[in-house]
Amino acid sequence: MMKLRRNVGLLALTPVLLIGATAREAMATKVGQPVNWTVSAPLTTTNPSAANDATAADIVTQIGQGLYRYDKAGKPVLADAKSVVTSADGRTVTFKLKAGLRWSNGAKLTAADYVYGFQQTVNPRNASNSAAIATNIHGANALVTGASQDFASLGVKALNEDTLQLQLDHPMPALPSILTSTAFFPQNKAFEDKVGAKYGTSAANSISNGPFVLQQWNGSNTTYALTKNVHYVDQKQVRTQKITIRTITDTTTGYNLYQAGDIDYAVLGLIRCEPVNTKQIFRLSKRAVRISLA
């Protein structure tokens, strides 16, 4: 079963269905209080294009953000983008980015960062699990299969600093949901060029545009933290200042730590994930969180 303290007041890391439980709500009693969270597997990378496992995807979702994110009802809504226009034939999608987008190092985030991020996802070297769903973008299939190495041919263009345009081979009604994936987050080429092959392997070699910044992760340790990103475009909405994350692979250990009050969340007897708001963990912590259980 899942254990979550009633005063946590955050959106669940991975809402799950569990045996023999009923629905309940956890209410925030202290807005912005520190959170002690757990994950069931080690963090492997913070490279958005290579975040193929659940832990990496969850953490990258908190330190990054795409054109869309899920709202509290599980609906994709605009995030880094402030507007979107789709052509009459459904094949050209143009986004205007919000003003004031910044990376956690203070650098300006532009449409070119999105172009680079999409290119990395269709680059075979990153072995992205999401590359297949990108193949409806014009030119992506040839890049994913290795038939082409001309990444400039990908149908993702920066018309100017705040305008991004996607050219699709076919209309894609599910595009908003797809673009919430970490695989379609922007990436900072200047930063990646600076750290080289170390990109995504530790906190020092990671960069954020989302609500939190990764701290204290050396690439192999099992306890690390997320702290509020002061450069996040919607940082005024983020109440939680710090989340300490521990990797607990043994369910008995997790249960005992929860019972002792050392952690606020533990998963025991996981059956399957429920696709409700999984992209909004730790965000807007003054809200109640509904935990759907079987």
Protein backbone atom coordinates (compact mmCIF):
# COMPACT_ATOMS: atom_id res chain seq x y z
CA MET A 1 0.00 0.00 0.00
CA MET A 2 0.96 3.65 -0.22
CA LYS A 3 1.64 5.80 2.83
CA LEU A 4 1.41 9.59 2.61
CA ARG A 5 1.29 11.87 5.62
CA ARG A 6 -1.83 14.00 5.70
CA ASN A 7 0.04 17.27 6.20
CA VAL A 8 2.31 16.99 3.20
CA GLY A 9 0.13 18.96 0.78
CA LEU A 10 1.83 18.19 -2.52
CA LEU A 11 0.91 16.50 -5.74
CA ALA A 12 1.78 12.83 -5.68
CA LEU A 13 5.04 11.72 -7.27
CA THR A 14 3.44 8.66 -8.81
CA PRO A 15 -0.27 8.13 -8.10
CA VAL A 16 -0.79 4.38 -7.93
CA LEU A 17 -3.42 1.72 -7.64
CA LEU A 18 -2.91 -0.58 -4.70
CA ILE A 19 -4.61 -3.67 -3.31
CA GLY A 20 -7.41 -3.26 -0.75
CA ALA A 21 -7.36 0.49 -0.19
CA THR A 22 -9.86 3.34 -0.64
CA ALA A 23 -9.60 6.93 -1.89
CA ARG A 24 -8.40 9.60 0.53
CA GLU A 25 -7.11 13.17 0.41
CA ALA A 26 -3.96 14.61 1.97
CA MET A 27 -4.37 18.26 2.96
CA ALA A 28 -1.63 20.84 3.41
CA THR A 29 -1.40 22.27 6.92
CA LYS A 30 1.85 24.18 6.47
CA VAL A 31 2.31 25.85 3.12
CA GLY A 32 5.88 25.55 1.92
CA GLN A 33 7.07 23.06 4.52
CA PRO A 34 10.02 20.81 3.58
CA VAL A 35 9.07 17.43 2.14
CA ASN A 36 10.80 14.09 2.68
CA TRP A 37 10.06 11.93 -0.36
CA THR A 38 11.17 8.51 -1.54
CA VAL A 39 11.79 6.88 -4.90
CA SER A 40 12.08 3.14 -5.44
CA ALA A 41 15.01 3.14 -7.89
CA PRO A 42 18.27 5.09 -8.27
CA LEU A 43 18.39 8.25 -10.36
CA THR A 44 20.18 7.41 -13.60
CA THR A 45 20.28 10.67 -15.57
CA THR A 46 18.91 14.20 -15.84
CA ASN A 47 19.27 14.29 -19.63
CA PRO A 48 15.66 14.89 -20.78
CA SER A 49 16.16 12.90 -23.98
CA ALA A 50 17.57 9.89 -22.12
CA ALA A 51 15.23 9.88 -19.11
CA ASN A 52 13.73 6.50 -19.99
CA ASP A 53 13.03 5.10 -16.50
CA ALA A 54 10.39 6.27 -14.04
CA THR A 55 12.71 7.87 -11.49
CA ALA A 56 14.65 9.85 -14.09
CA ALA A 57 11.44 11.00 -15.78
CA ASP A 58 9.93 12.11 -12.47
CA ILE A 59 13.00 14.08 -11.40
CA VAL A 60 13.57 15.64 -14.83
CA THR A 61 9.92 16.72 -14.82
CA GLN A 62 10.59 18.70 -11.65
CA ILE A 63 13.78 20.40 -12.81
CA GLY A 64 12.49 20.94 -16.35
CA GLN A 65 9.40 22.07 -18.21
CA GLY A 66 8.12 21.87 -21.76
CA LEU A 67 5.65 23.72 -23.93
CA TYR A 68 2.83 22.00 -22.05
CA ARG A 69 2.37 20.57 -18.57
CA TYR A 70 -0.52 18.75 -16.91
CA ASP A 71 -2.89 20.69 -14.66
CA LYS A 72 -4.45 19.31 -11.48
CA ALA A 73 -7.22 17.66 -13.52
CA GLY A 74 -4.70 15.80 -15.69
CA LYS A 75 -5.29 18.04 -18.71
CA PRO A 76 -2.35 19.36 -20.77
CA VAL A 77 -2.14 23.14 -20.56
CA LEU A 78 0.41 25.61 -21.91
CA ALA A 79 3.55 25.95 -19.79
CA ASP A 80 6.62 27.58 -21.40
CA ALA A 81 4.37 28.55 -24.30
CA LYS A 82 1.85 31.36 -23.92
CA SER A 83 -0.06 30.66 -27.15
CA VAL A 84 -0.35 28.12 -29.94
CA VAL A 85 -1.77 28.36 -33.47
CA THR A 86 -2.45 25.31 -35.64
CA SER A 87 -2.85 25.61 -39.41
CA ALA A 88 -6.08 24.61 -41.12
CA ASP A 89 -4.57 21.33 -42.33
CA GLY A 90 -3.28 20.53 -38.82
CA ARG A 91 0.30 20.10 -40.00
CA THR A 92 1.91 23.39 -38.92
CA VAL A 93 1.89 24.27 -35.22
CA THR A 94 3.34 27.59 -34.08
CA PHE A 95 4.09 28.42 -30.44
CA LYS A 96 4.81 31.79 -28.87
CA LEU A 97 6.98 31.44 -25.77
CA LYS A 98 6.39 33.30 -22.53
CA ALA A 99 8.50 36.32 -21.74
CA GLY A 100 11.11 35.92 -19.04
CA LEU A 101 12.04 32.28 -19.59
CA ARG A 102 15.41 31.56 -17.95
CA TRP A 103 17.70 28.67 -17.22
CA SER A 104 18.77 28.07 -13.63
CA ASN A 105 22.16 29.65 -14.42
CA GLY A 106 20.35 32.85 -15.45
CA ALA A 107 20.82 32.39 -19.21
CA LYS A 108 17.88 33.31 -21.42
CA LEU A 109 15.81 30.41 -22.75
CA THR A 110 14.80 30.80 -26.40
CA ALA A 111 13.06 28.85 -29.14
CA ALA A 112 16.49 27.62 -30.26
CA ASP A 113 16.74 25.65 -27.01
CA TYR A 114 13.58 23.80 -27.99
CA VAL A 115 14.96 23.08 -31.44
CA TYR A 116 18.10 21.62 -29.88
CA GLY A 117 16.11 19.59 -27.35
CA PHE A 118 13.92 17.99 -30.03
CA GLN A 119 17.01 17.25 -32.11
CA GLN A 120 18.61 15.41 -29.19
CA THR A 121 15.55 13.22 -28.74
CA VAL A 122 15.64 12.02 -32.35
CA ASN A 123 19.42 11.56 -32.18
CA PRO A 124 20.08 7.80 -31.93
CA ARG A 125 22.97 8.38 -29.53
CA ASN A 126 20.49 9.23 -26.76
CA ALA A 127 18.42 6.05 -27.30
CA SER A 128 15.28 7.92 -26.29
CA ASN A 129 12.20 5.81 -25.65
CA SER A 130 10.16 8.74 -26.98
CA ALA A 131 11.94 8.94 -30.34
CA ALA A 132 9.26 6.78 -31.96
CA ILE A 133 6.45 9.19 -31.09
CA ALA A 134 8.49 12.04 -32.57
CA THR A 135 8.55 10.49 -36.03
CA ASN A 136 5.42 12.37 -37.13
CA ILE A 137 7.56 15.51 -37.05
CA HIS A 138 8.77 16.12 -40.59
CA GLY A 139 12.20 14.57 -41.15
CA ALA A 140 12.34 12.82 -37.78
CA ASN A 141 12.02 9.25 -39.05
CA ALA A 142 15.17 9.47 -41.17
CA LEU A 143 17.08 10.88 -38.18
CA VAL A 144 15.79 8.28 -35.70
CA THR A 145 16.72 5.42 -38.03
CA GLY A 146 20.11 6.87 -38.86
CA ALA A 147 19.28 7.29 -42.54
CA SER A 148 20.06 11.01 -42.15
CA GLN A 149 22.36 12.95 -39.88
CA ASP A 150 21.17 16.35 -41.04
CA PHE A 151 19.45 17.50 -37.85
CA ALA A 152 18.74 20.89 -39.40
CA SER A 153 16.24 19.07 -41.63
CA LEU A 154 14.01 18.27 -38.65
CA GLY A 155 10.67 20.06 -38.87
CA VAL A 156 11.29 22.12 -35.72
CA LYS A 157 12.32 25.69 -36.41
CA ALA A 158 13.00 28.81 -34.35
CA LEU A 159 11.38 31.63 -36.35
CA ASN A 160 12.80 34.08 -33.81
CA GLU A 161 13.79 33.97 -30.14
CA ASP A 162 10.24 33.49 -28.88
CA THR A 163 8.55 31.68 -31.79
CA LEU A 164 8.82 27.94 -32.35
CA GLN A 165 7.23 26.15 -35.30
CA LEU A 166 6.63 22.42 -35.75
CA GLN A 167 6.00 20.89 -39.16
CA LEU A 168 4.13 17.59 -38.94
CA ASP A 169 3.67 14.95 -41.62
CA HIS A 170 0.09 14.38 -40.43
CA PRO A 171 -2.29 16.13 -38.01
CA MET A 172 -1.68 15.04 -34.43
CA PRO A 173 -4.58 15.61 -32.00
CA ALA A 174 -2.57 14.09 -29.13
CA LEU A 175 0.29 16.57 -29.60
CA PRO A 176 -0.35 18.56 -26.36
CA SER A 177 -0.12 15.41 -24.24
CA ILE A 178 2.95 14.20 -26.12
CA LEU A 179 4.72 17.52 -25.60
CA THR A 180 4.44 17.20 -21.81
CA SER A 181 7.07 14.43 -22.03
CA THR A 182 10.60 15.17 -20.86
CA ALA A 183 11.81 14.16 -24.33
CA PHE A 184 10.39 17.41 -25.69
CA PHE A 185 11.81 19.73 -23.05
CA PRO A 186 14.27 22.43 -24.17
CA GLN A 187 17.98 21.79 -23.74
CA ASN A 188 20.78 24.30 -23.29
CA LYS A 189 23.40 23.58 -25.96
CA ALA A 190 25.98 25.97 -24.52
CA PHE A 191 25.81 24.24 -21.15
CA GLU A 192 25.92 20.76 -22.68
CA ASP A 193 28.89 21.70 -24.84
CA LYS A 194 30.68 22.96 -21.73
CA VAL A 195 30.20 19.81 -19.60
CA GLY A 196 30.44 17.37 -22.52
CA ALA A 197 29.88 13.69 -21.80
CA LYS A 198 29.23 14.47 -18.12
CA TYR A 199 25.90 16.10 -18.99
CA GLY A 200 23.10 14.69 -16.84
CA THR A 201 25.41 12.58 -14.67
CA SER A 202 25.34 14.71 -11.50
CA ALA A 203 23.73 17.80 -10.03
CA ALA A 204 26.72 19.91 -11.06
CA ASN A 205 26.30 18.72 -14.64
CA SER A 206 22.57 19.40 -14.78
CA ILE A 207 20.64 22.54 -15.63
CA SER A 208 17.02 23.48 -14.96
CA ASN A 209 14.21 25.51 -16.45
CA GLY A 210 11.49 24.04 -14.24
CA PRO A 211 10.32 24.68 -10.67
CA PHE A 212 13.26 23.02 -8.93
CA VAL A 213 17.04 22.65 -9.11
CA LEU A 214 18.75 19.36 -8.34
CA GLN A 215 21.23 19.47 -5.45
CA GLN A 216 23.58 17.04 -3.69
CA TRP A 217 23.47 14.29 -6.34
CA ASN A 218 26.95 13.06 -7.31
CA GLY A 219 25.65 10.53 -9.82
CA SER A 220 25.50 7.53 -7.52
CA ASN A 221 24.38 8.62 -4.04
CA THR A 222 20.93 7.62 -2.84
CA THR A 223 19.92 10.83 -1.03
CA TYR A 224 19.68 14.18 -2.81
CA ALA A 225 17.45 17.23 -2.90
CA LEU A 226 15.35 19.50 -5.04
CA THR A 227 15.37 23.19 -4.13
CA LYS A 228 13.22 25.98 -5.51
CA ASN A 229 14.48 27.46 -8.78
CA VAL A 230 14.45 31.24 -8.40
CA HIS A 231 14.75 31.63 -12.19
CA TYR A 232 11.64 29.53 -12.94
CA VAL A 233 9.16 31.55 -14.96
CA ASP A 234 6.27 30.67 -12.61
CA GLN A 235 8.36 30.53 -9.44
CA LYS A 236 5.82 32.59 -7.46
CA GLN A 237 3.46 29.63 -7.65
CA VAL A 238 5.97 27.20 -6.12
CA ARG A 239 5.51 27.15 -2.34
CA THR A 240 7.73 24.22 -1.43
CA GLN A 241 11.31 25.35 -0.87
CA LYS A 242 12.99 21.96 -0.57
CA ILE A 243 12.27 18.28 -1.16
CA THR A 244 14.72 15.73 0.21
CA ILE A 245 14.60 12.50 -1.79
CA ARG A 246 15.80 9.11 -0.58
CA THR A 247 16.10 5.99 -2.68
CA ILE A 248 14.35 3.20 -0.78
CA THR A 249 14.33 -0.07 -2.70
CA ASP A 250 13.09 -2.23 0.18
CA THR A 251 9.39 -1.83 1.02
CA THR A 252 9.85 -2.89 4.65
CA THR A 253 12.47 -0.17 5.14
CA GLY A 254 10.15 2.38 3.56
CA TYR A 255 7.28 1.35 5.81
CA ASN A 256 9.42 1.56 8.95
CA LEU A 257 10.77 4.99 8.02
CA TYR A 258 7.25 6.22 7.38
CA GLN A 259 6.00 4.86 10.69
CA ALA A 260 8.91 6.56 12.45
CA GLY A 261 8.01 9.88 10.84
CA ASP A 262 11.28 10.13 8.91
CA ILE A 263 9.61 10.24 5.49
CA ASP A 264 6.31 11.60 4.24
CA TYR A 265 5.69 9.08 1.48
CA ALA A 266 6.26 5.38 0.89
CA VAL A 267 4.98 2.89 -1.68
CA LEU A 268 4.33 -0.70 -0.65
CA GLY A 269 2.86 -3.38 -2.94
CA LEU A 270 2.79 -1.31 -6.11
CA ILE A 271 0.44 -2.69 -8.75
CA ARG A 272 0.31 -0.14 -11.55
CA CYS A 273 0.56 3.58 -12.23
CA GLU A 274 -2.56 5.66 -12.77
CA PRO A 275 -2.18 8.30 -15.51
CA VAL A 276 -3.50 11.18 -13.43
CA ASN A 277 -1.36 14.28 -13.04
CA THR A 278 1.93 12.38 -12.92
CA LYS A 279 3.75 15.39 -14.38
CA GLN A 280 2.91 17.76 -11.54
CA ILE A 281 4.63 16.38 -8.44
CA PHE A 282 5.63 18.83 -5.74
CA ARG A 283 4.14 21.75 -7.69
CA LEU A 284 1.82 24.31 -6.03
CA SER A 285 2.08 22.70 -2.64
CA LYS A 286 -0.75 24.68 -1.02
CA ARG A 287 -3.27 22.55 -2.94
CA ALA A 288 -4.80 19.36 -1.70
CA VAL A 289 -3.76 16.15 -3.37
CA ARG A 290 -6.12 13.32 -4.19
CA ILE A 291 -4.64 9.87 -4.05
CA SER A 292 -6.61 7.37 -6.14
CA LEU A 293 -6.47 3.90 -4.73
CA ALA A 294 -8.23 0.67 -5.60
